[in-house]
Amino acid sequence: MKKVVLFLALGAMIASCGGKKEEKKDGFEVSRTKTEDAKAPTSQEIPVDLSNKGVGPIKSVEFGAEIDQAMADRGKGKFESICVACHMIDQRMIGPALKGVYDRRSPEWVMNMILNPDGMLKEDPIAKALLKEYNNAIMLNQNLTEDEARDVAEYLRTF
């Protein structure tokens, strides 16, 4: 008996997967195609600015000639536990892709954004433009220490 019921259920499922009939209905219709908003900034409008150090406690960051692997490993752990909720390495998500971030932003700007996102979003013109580009999705303060933020900054160099 179970085989018959299973066979009938499988037959019904296969039959329901047949050709689709489109019905034209009067009334409200939703279009799911994305349209570009003329007022929304694009990534071309957000300048590359390596001289902007941002707003926050970090005034100077010196990267060594070589990546500090121990620091990068610690930064990878933080990145994977906190940052991946909004950022991917090479693809836009809720926030910008971070591959090549130091080609667009100074290390000080990056660390200030990690440590002081509230202040950056209020006062820094690039952070404000990014906020608009990413649909006002704010970056939350993860309350990292300067050492933890420096570890993440070092990890970002590995991309």
N, C-alpha and C. Protein backbone atom coordinates (compact mmCIF):
# COMPACT_ATOMS: atom_id res chain seq x y z
N MET A 1 0.82 -1.20 0.00
CA MET A 1 0.00 0.00 0.00
C MET A 1 0.87 1.26 0.00
N LYS A 2 1.97 1.23 0.78
CA LYS A 2 2.86 2.39 0.83
C LYS A 2 3.46 2.67 -0.53
N LYS A 3 3.76 1.62 -1.28
CA LYS A 3 4.35 1.80 -2.61
C LYS A 3 3.35 2.47 -3.54
N VAL A 4 2.09 2.13 -3.44
CA VAL A 4 1.06 2.72 -4.30
C VAL A 4 0.91 4.21 -3.97
N VAL A 5 0.87 4.55 -2.68
CA VAL A 5 0.73 5.94 -2.28
C VAL A 5 1.96 6.74 -2.72
N LEU A 6 3.14 6.16 -2.54
CA LEU A 6 4.37 6.82 -2.96
C LEU A 6 4.37 7.02 -4.47
N PHE A 7 3.93 6.00 -5.23
CA PHE A 7 3.88 6.09 -6.68
C PHE A 7 2.91 7.19 -7.12
N LEU A 8 1.74 7.26 -6.47
CA LEU A 8 0.75 8.29 -6.82
C LEU A 8 1.27 9.69 -6.48
N ALA A 9 1.94 9.82 -5.33
CA ALA A 9 2.49 11.12 -4.94
C ALA A 9 3.57 11.55 -5.91
N LEU A 10 4.43 10.62 -6.31
CA LEU A 10 5.50 10.93 -7.26
C LEU A 10 4.89 11.31 -8.62
N GLY A 11 3.86 10.60 -9.04
CA GLY A 11 3.19 10.92 -10.31
C GLY A 11 2.56 12.30 -10.28
N ALA A 12 1.93 12.64 -9.16
CA ALA A 12 1.31 13.96 -9.02
C ALA A 12 2.35 15.06 -9.06
N MET A 13 3.51 14.80 -8.42
CA MET A 13 4.57 15.80 -8.41
C MET A 13 5.13 16.00 -9.82
N ILE A 14 5.34 14.93 -10.55
CA ILE A 14 5.86 15.04 -11.92
C ILE A 14 4.86 15.76 -12.81
N ALA A 15 3.59 15.45 -12.65
CA ALA A 15 2.57 16.09 -13.47
C ALA A 15 2.48 17.58 -13.18
N SER A 16 2.69 17.97 -11.92
CA SER A 16 2.59 19.39 -11.58
C SER A 16 3.78 20.17 -12.08
N CYS A 17 4.86 19.51 -12.45
CA CYS A 17 6.05 20.20 -12.96
C CYS A 17 5.97 20.41 -14.46
N GLY A 18 4.86 20.12 -15.06
CA GLY A 18 4.70 20.26 -16.51
C GLY A 18 4.76 21.70 -16.95
N GLY A 19 4.39 21.96 -18.19
CA GLY A 19 4.46 23.30 -18.76
C GLY A 19 3.65 24.31 -17.97
N LYS A 20 4.15 25.51 -17.92
CA LYS A 20 3.46 26.56 -17.19
C LYS A 20 2.58 27.33 -18.14
N LYS A 21 1.41 27.68 -17.69
CA LYS A 21 0.51 28.52 -18.46
C LYS A 21 0.55 29.90 -17.86
N GLU A 22 0.80 30.87 -18.71
CA GLU A 22 0.82 32.25 -18.22
C GLU A 22 -0.58 32.83 -18.36
N GLU A 23 -1.04 33.39 -17.30
CA GLU A 23 -2.34 34.03 -17.31
C GLU A 23 -2.16 35.53 -17.16
N LYS A 24 -2.82 36.26 -17.98
CA LYS A 24 -2.79 37.71 -17.89
C LYS A 24 -3.93 38.13 -16.98
N LYS A 25 -3.60 38.79 -15.90
CA LYS A 25 -4.62 39.22 -14.95
C LYS A 25 -4.70 40.74 -14.96
N ASP A 26 -5.90 41.22 -14.79
CA ASP A 26 -6.09 42.67 -14.68
C ASP A 26 -5.70 43.10 -13.27
N GLY A 27 -5.22 44.31 -13.16
CA GLY A 27 -4.92 44.83 -11.84
C GLY A 27 -3.44 45.13 -11.65
N PHE A 28 -3.03 45.08 -10.43
CA PHE A 28 -1.68 45.46 -10.02
C PHE A 28 -0.66 44.42 -10.47
N GLU A 29 0.47 44.88 -10.98
CA GLU A 29 1.54 43.98 -11.41
C GLU A 29 2.87 44.49 -10.84
N VAL A 30 3.68 43.57 -10.35
CA VAL A 30 4.97 43.92 -9.77
C VAL A 30 6.06 43.52 -10.75
N SER A 31 6.94 44.45 -11.04
CA SER A 31 8.09 44.17 -11.88
C SER A 31 9.28 43.92 -10.98
N ARG A 32 9.97 42.81 -11.18
CA ARG A 32 11.11 42.46 -10.33
C ARG A 32 12.44 42.81 -10.97
N THR A 33 12.41 43.59 -12.02
CA THR A 33 13.66 44.00 -12.64
C THR A 33 14.21 45.21 -11.92
N LYS A 34 15.51 45.25 -11.79
CA LYS A 34 16.16 46.35 -11.08
C LYS A 34 16.27 47.55 -12.00
N THR A 35 15.93 48.69 -11.46
CA THR A 35 16.08 49.92 -12.21
C THR A 35 17.10 50.78 -11.49
N GLU A 36 17.83 51.54 -12.24
CA GLU A 36 18.84 52.41 -11.65
C GLU A 36 18.20 53.70 -11.21
N ASP A 37 18.46 54.09 -10.00
CA ASP A 37 17.99 55.35 -9.45
C ASP A 37 18.98 56.44 -9.86
N ALA A 38 18.49 57.46 -10.52
CA ALA A 38 19.37 58.51 -11.02
C ALA A 38 20.12 59.21 -9.88
N LYS A 39 19.56 59.22 -8.67
CA LYS A 39 20.19 59.91 -7.56
C LYS A 39 21.16 59.02 -6.78
N ALA A 40 21.10 57.71 -6.99
CA ALA A 40 21.98 56.82 -6.24
C ALA A 40 23.40 56.92 -6.77
N PRO A 41 24.37 57.08 -5.88
CA PRO A 41 25.75 57.18 -6.35
C PRO A 41 26.24 55.84 -6.86
N THR A 42 27.16 55.89 -7.77
CA THR A 42 27.77 54.67 -8.26
C THR A 42 29.21 54.64 -7.78
N SER A 43 29.84 53.48 -7.89
CA SER A 43 31.20 53.36 -7.40
C SER A 43 32.14 54.31 -8.15
N GLN A 44 31.77 54.73 -9.36
CA GLN A 44 32.61 55.69 -10.08
C GLN A 44 32.55 57.07 -9.43
N GLU A 45 31.46 57.38 -8.72
CA GLU A 45 31.32 58.67 -8.07
C GLU A 45 32.08 58.75 -6.76
N ILE A 46 32.41 57.62 -6.18
CA ILE A 46 33.14 57.60 -4.92
C ILE A 46 34.62 57.63 -5.25
N PRO A 47 35.28 58.68 -4.86
CA PRO A 47 36.67 58.86 -5.29
C PRO A 47 37.64 57.90 -4.61
N VAL A 48 38.70 57.60 -5.32
CA VAL A 48 39.84 56.92 -4.72
C VAL A 48 40.63 58.02 -4.02
N ASP A 49 40.84 57.87 -2.73
CA ASP A 49 41.53 58.90 -1.98
C ASP A 49 42.45 58.26 -0.96
N LEU A 50 43.72 58.20 -1.29
CA LEU A 50 44.70 57.59 -0.41
C LEU A 50 45.26 58.56 0.62
N SER A 51 44.91 59.85 0.49
CA SER A 51 45.40 60.83 1.46
C SER A 51 44.42 61.04 2.61
N ASN A 52 43.18 60.62 2.45
CA ASN A 52 42.17 60.78 3.49
C ASN A 52 42.44 59.74 4.58
N LYS A 53 42.68 60.21 5.80
CA LYS A 53 42.96 59.30 6.92
C LYS A 53 41.71 59.00 7.73
N GLY A 54 40.59 59.62 7.39
CA GLY A 54 39.35 59.35 8.09
C GLY A 54 39.26 60.08 9.41
N VAL A 55 38.23 59.73 10.18
CA VAL A 55 37.92 60.37 11.45
C VAL A 55 38.02 59.30 12.53
N GLY A 56 38.92 59.50 13.48
CA GLY A 56 39.04 58.52 14.55
C GLY A 56 40.41 58.57 15.19
N PRO A 57 40.71 57.56 15.97
CA PRO A 57 41.94 57.59 16.77
C PRO A 57 43.22 57.31 15.98
N ILE A 58 43.13 56.75 14.81
CA ILE A 58 44.32 56.34 14.07
C ILE A 58 44.81 57.49 13.21
N LYS A 59 46.02 57.93 13.48
CA LYS A 59 46.62 59.03 12.72
C LYS A 59 47.71 58.54 11.79
N SER A 60 48.31 57.38 12.11
CA SER A 60 49.39 56.86 11.28
C SER A 60 49.46 55.34 11.40
N VAL A 61 49.61 54.68 10.25
CA VAL A 61 49.80 53.23 10.21
C VAL A 61 50.96 52.96 9.28
N GLU A 62 51.90 52.19 9.75
CA GLU A 62 53.04 51.81 8.93
C GLU A 62 52.96 50.32 8.63
N PHE A 63 52.83 49.98 7.36
CA PHE A 63 52.87 48.59 6.96
C PHE A 63 54.32 48.22 6.69
N GLY A 64 54.72 47.03 7.13
CA GLY A 64 56.06 46.54 6.82
C GLY A 64 56.13 46.13 5.35
N ALA A 65 57.34 45.93 4.87
CA ALA A 65 57.52 45.51 3.48
C ALA A 65 56.89 44.14 3.24
N GLU A 66 56.96 43.29 4.25
CA GLU A 66 56.38 41.94 4.17
C GLU A 66 55.16 41.86 5.07
N ILE A 67 54.24 41.00 4.72
CA ILE A 67 53.05 40.79 5.55
C ILE A 67 53.46 40.04 6.82
N ASP A 68 53.02 40.52 7.96
CA ASP A 68 53.25 39.85 9.24
C ASP A 68 52.22 38.72 9.34
N GLN A 69 52.66 37.49 9.10
CA GLN A 69 51.74 36.36 8.98
C GLN A 69 50.99 36.08 10.28
N ALA A 70 51.64 36.20 11.41
CA ALA A 70 50.95 35.96 12.69
C ALA A 70 49.82 36.98 12.88
N MET A 71 50.10 38.23 12.56
CA MET A 71 49.10 39.28 12.67
C MET A 71 47.96 39.02 11.67
N ALA A 72 48.30 38.66 10.45
CA ALA A 72 47.29 38.38 9.43
C ALA A 72 46.42 37.18 9.82
N ASP A 73 47.02 36.18 10.43
CA ASP A 73 46.24 35.02 10.87
C ASP A 73 45.24 35.40 11.95
N ARG A 74 45.67 36.22 12.90
CA ARG A 74 44.73 36.70 13.92
C ARG A 74 43.62 37.54 13.27
N GLY A 75 44.02 38.39 12.31
CA GLY A 75 43.05 39.22 11.60
C GLY A 75 42.06 38.39 10.80
N LYS A 76 42.54 37.31 10.22
CA LYS A 76 41.65 36.41 9.47
C LYS A 76 40.58 35.83 10.38
N GLY A 77 40.98 35.45 11.59
CA GLY A 77 40.01 34.92 12.55
C GLY A 77 38.94 35.94 12.89
N LYS A 78 39.35 37.18 13.14
CA LYS A 78 38.38 38.25 13.44
C LYS A 78 37.49 38.50 12.23
N PHE A 79 38.10 38.59 11.06
CA PHE A 79 37.35 38.85 9.83
C PHE A 79 36.28 37.78 9.62
N GLU A 80 36.68 36.52 9.77
CA GLU A 80 35.75 35.43 9.52
C GLU A 80 34.66 35.32 10.58
N SER A 81 34.91 35.85 11.77
CA SER A 81 33.87 35.78 12.81
C SER A 81 32.97 37.01 12.84
N ILE A 82 33.44 38.13 12.30
CA ILE A 82 32.68 39.37 12.41
C ILE A 82 32.33 39.97 11.03
N CYS A 83 33.33 40.15 10.20
CA CYS A 83 33.19 40.96 8.99
C CYS A 83 32.42 40.27 7.86
N VAL A 84 32.51 38.93 7.80
CA VAL A 84 31.89 38.23 6.67
C VAL A 84 30.37 38.32 6.68
N ALA A 85 29.79 38.80 7.75
CA ALA A 85 28.33 39.00 7.75
C ALA A 85 27.93 40.04 6.72
N CYS A 86 28.84 40.98 6.42
CA CYS A 86 28.51 42.07 5.49
C CYS A 86 29.50 42.21 4.33
N HIS A 87 30.70 41.67 4.47
CA HIS A 87 31.73 41.86 3.46
C HIS A 87 32.23 40.53 2.91
N MET A 88 32.45 40.52 1.60
CA MET A 88 33.13 39.40 0.96
C MET A 88 34.45 39.94 0.43
N ILE A 89 35.33 39.04 0.11
CA ILE A 89 36.65 39.46 -0.35
C ILE A 89 36.57 40.13 -1.72
N ASP A 90 35.94 39.48 -2.67
CA ASP A 90 35.97 40.01 -4.04
C ASP A 90 34.59 40.20 -4.66
N GLN A 91 33.57 40.36 -3.81
CA GLN A 91 32.23 40.56 -4.33
C GLN A 91 31.45 41.49 -3.41
N ARG A 92 30.68 42.40 -3.99
CA ARG A 92 29.83 43.29 -3.20
C ARG A 92 28.80 42.47 -2.45
N MET A 93 28.49 42.91 -1.26
CA MET A 93 27.44 42.26 -0.50
C MET A 93 26.66 43.38 0.18
N ILE A 94 26.43 43.28 1.47
CA ILE A 94 25.81 44.39 2.19
C ILE A 94 26.78 45.57 2.21
N GLY A 95 28.06 45.26 2.30
CA GLY A 95 29.12 46.27 2.25
C GLY A 95 30.04 46.00 1.07
N PRO A 96 31.00 46.87 0.85
CA PRO A 96 31.89 46.74 -0.30
C PRO A 96 32.79 45.50 -0.23
N ALA A 97 33.20 45.03 -1.41
CA ALA A 97 34.23 43.99 -1.48
C ALA A 97 35.52 44.60 -0.96
N LEU A 98 36.31 43.80 -0.27
CA LEU A 98 37.50 44.35 0.37
C LEU A 98 38.80 44.03 -0.36
N LYS A 99 38.73 43.27 -1.42
CA LYS A 99 39.93 43.00 -2.20
C LYS A 99 40.43 44.32 -2.80
N GLY A 100 41.70 44.62 -2.61
CA GLY A 100 42.27 45.84 -3.16
C GLY A 100 41.86 47.10 -2.43
N VAL A 101 41.40 46.98 -1.19
CA VAL A 101 40.93 48.16 -0.45
C VAL A 101 42.04 49.20 -0.31
N TYR A 102 43.30 48.76 -0.21
CA TYR A 102 44.39 49.72 -0.04
C TYR A 102 44.79 50.39 -1.36
N ASP A 103 44.17 49.98 -2.46
CA ASP A 103 44.32 50.71 -3.72
C ASP A 103 43.34 51.89 -3.77
N ARG A 104 42.34 51.88 -2.86
CA ARG A 104 41.31 52.91 -2.85
C ARG A 104 41.34 53.78 -1.59
N ARG A 105 41.80 53.19 -0.47
CA ARG A 105 41.76 53.88 0.82
C ARG A 105 43.09 53.73 1.55
N SER A 106 43.39 54.71 2.38
CA SER A 106 44.61 54.65 3.18
C SER A 106 44.43 53.65 4.32
N PRO A 107 45.53 53.09 4.83
CA PRO A 107 45.42 52.18 5.97
C PRO A 107 44.78 52.86 7.19
N GLU A 108 45.05 54.15 7.38
CA GLU A 108 44.46 54.88 8.50
C GLU A 108 42.94 54.96 8.34
N TRP A 109 42.49 55.24 7.10
CA TRP A 109 41.06 55.32 6.83
C TRP A 109 40.39 53.99 7.14
N VAL A 110 41.00 52.91 6.69
CA VAL A 110 40.43 51.58 6.92
C VAL A 110 40.32 51.29 8.42
N MET A 111 41.40 51.54 9.15
CA MET A 111 41.36 51.27 10.59
C MET A 111 40.38 52.19 11.31
N ASN A 112 40.30 53.45 10.91
CA ASN A 112 39.31 54.34 11.53
C ASN A 112 37.89 53.89 11.23
N MET A 113 37.66 53.35 10.04
CA MET A 113 36.34 52.83 9.71
C MET A 113 36.01 51.62 10.57
N ILE A 114 37.00 50.79 10.84
CA ILE A 114 36.79 49.62 11.70
C ILE A 114 36.53 50.06 13.14
N LEU A 115 37.31 51.00 13.63
CA LEU A 115 37.24 51.40 15.04
C LEU A 115 36.17 52.44 15.35
N ASN A 116 35.84 53.28 14.37
CA ASN A 116 34.95 54.41 14.61
C ASN A 116 33.94 54.58 13.47
N PRO A 117 33.16 53.54 13.17
CA PRO A 117 32.24 53.66 12.04
C PRO A 117 31.19 54.76 12.23
N ASP A 118 30.75 54.97 13.46
CA ASP A 118 29.73 56.01 13.71
C ASP A 118 30.27 57.39 13.35
N GLY A 119 31.45 57.71 13.84
CA GLY A 119 32.06 59.00 13.54
C GLY A 119 32.38 59.15 12.07
N MET A 120 32.85 58.08 11.47
CA MET A 120 33.17 58.13 10.03
C MET A 120 31.91 58.39 9.21
N LEU A 121 30.82 57.71 9.53
CA LEU A 121 29.59 57.88 8.76
C LEU A 121 28.97 59.26 8.95
N LYS A 122 29.29 59.91 10.06
CA LYS A 122 28.77 61.26 10.30
C LYS A 122 29.63 62.34 9.65
N GLU A 123 30.96 62.12 9.59
CA GLU A 123 31.86 63.20 9.20
C GLU A 123 32.69 62.97 7.95
N ASP A 124 32.97 61.73 7.59
CA ASP A 124 33.87 61.48 6.47
C ASP A 124 33.08 61.43 5.15
N PRO A 125 33.48 62.22 4.15
CA PRO A 125 32.72 62.28 2.90
C PRO A 125 32.72 60.94 2.14
N ILE A 126 33.79 60.20 2.19
CA ILE A 126 33.81 58.90 1.48
C ILE A 126 32.92 57.90 2.20
N ALA A 127 32.97 57.86 3.51
CA ALA A 127 32.10 56.96 4.27
C ALA A 127 30.63 57.31 4.02
N LYS A 128 30.32 58.60 3.95
CA LYS A 128 28.93 59.01 3.66
C LYS A 128 28.50 58.55 2.27
N ALA A 129 29.39 58.68 1.29
CA ALA A 129 29.06 58.26 -0.07
C ALA A 129 28.87 56.74 -0.14
N LEU A 130 29.71 56.01 0.58
CA LEU A 130 29.56 54.55 0.62
C LEU A 130 28.26 54.15 1.29
N LEU A 131 27.88 54.87 2.33
CA LEU A 131 26.61 54.60 3.00
C LEU A 131 25.45 54.72 2.02
N LYS A 132 25.46 55.77 1.22
CA LYS A 132 24.40 55.95 0.22
C LYS A 132 24.45 54.85 -0.85
N GLU A 133 25.66 54.51 -1.30
CA GLU A 133 25.78 53.49 -2.34
C GLU A 133 25.27 52.13 -1.87
N TYR A 134 25.44 51.86 -0.59
CA TYR A 134 25.03 50.56 -0.05
C TYR A 134 23.71 50.67 0.72
N ASN A 135 22.80 51.45 0.17
CA ASN A 135 21.41 51.54 0.64
C ASN A 135 21.28 51.85 2.13
N ASN A 136 22.14 52.73 2.61
CA ASN A 136 22.10 53.18 4.00
C ASN A 136 22.29 52.04 5.01
N ALA A 137 22.98 50.99 4.59
CA ALA A 137 23.32 49.91 5.51
C ALA A 137 24.54 50.37 6.31
N ILE A 138 24.33 50.68 7.57
CA ILE A 138 25.42 51.22 8.38
C ILE A 138 26.36 50.11 8.83
N MET A 139 27.61 50.47 8.97
CA MET A 139 28.58 49.54 9.53
C MET A 139 28.51 49.68 11.05
N LEU A 140 28.29 48.57 11.70
CA LEU A 140 28.17 48.59 13.15
C LEU A 140 29.53 48.59 13.81
N ASN A 141 29.61 49.22 14.95
CA ASN A 141 30.84 49.23 15.73
C ASN A 141 30.99 47.87 16.41
N GLN A 142 32.04 47.16 16.08
CA GLN A 142 32.28 45.83 16.64
C GLN A 142 33.11 45.89 17.92
N ASN A 143 33.46 47.10 18.36
CA ASN A 143 34.20 47.33 19.60
C ASN A 143 35.51 46.55 19.64
N LEU A 144 36.22 46.58 18.51
CA LEU A 144 37.54 45.96 18.47
C LEU A 144 38.56 46.88 19.11
N THR A 145 39.61 46.30 19.64
CA THR A 145 40.72 47.09 20.15
C THR A 145 41.55 47.56 18.96
N GLU A 146 42.44 48.51 19.20
CA GLU A 146 43.32 48.96 18.11
C GLU A 146 44.19 47.82 17.60
N ASP A 147 44.64 46.95 18.51
CA ASP A 147 45.46 45.80 18.09
C ASP A 147 44.66 44.84 17.21
N GLU A 148 43.39 44.60 17.58
CA GLU A 148 42.55 43.71 16.77
C GLU A 148 42.27 44.32 15.40
N ALA A 149 42.01 45.63 15.38
CA ALA A 149 41.77 46.31 14.11
C ALA A 149 43.03 46.28 13.24
N ARG A 150 44.19 46.41 13.87
CA ARG A 150 45.45 46.35 13.11
C ARG A 150 45.66 44.95 12.53
N ASP A 151 45.27 43.91 13.29
CA ASP A 151 45.34 42.53 12.78
C ASP A 151 44.44 42.36 11.55
N VAL A 152 43.22 42.89 11.61
CA VAL A 152 42.31 42.82 10.47
C VAL A 152 42.89 43.60 9.29
N ALA A 153 43.46 44.77 9.56
CA ALA A 153 44.07 45.57 8.50
C ALA A 153 45.19 44.79 7.83
N GLU A 154 45.97 44.07 8.60
CA GLU A 154 47.06 43.26 8.04
C GLU A 154 46.49 42.13 7.19
N TYR A 155 45.43 41.51 7.66
CA TYR A 155 44.80 40.44 6.89
C TYR A 155 44.27 40.97 5.55
N LEU A 156 43.73 42.18 5.54
CA LEU A 156 43.22 42.76 4.30
C LEU A 156 44.33 42.94 3.26
N ARG A 157 45.56 43.04 3.71
CA ARG A 157 46.69 43.15 2.77
C ARG A 157 46.91 41.86 2.00
N THR A 158 46.41 40.74 2.50
CA THR A 158 46.68 39.44 1.87
C THR A 158 45.79 39.18 0.67
N PHE A 159 44.79 40.01 0.43
CA PHE A 159 43.87 39.77 -0.70
C PHE A 159 44.51 40.17 -1.99
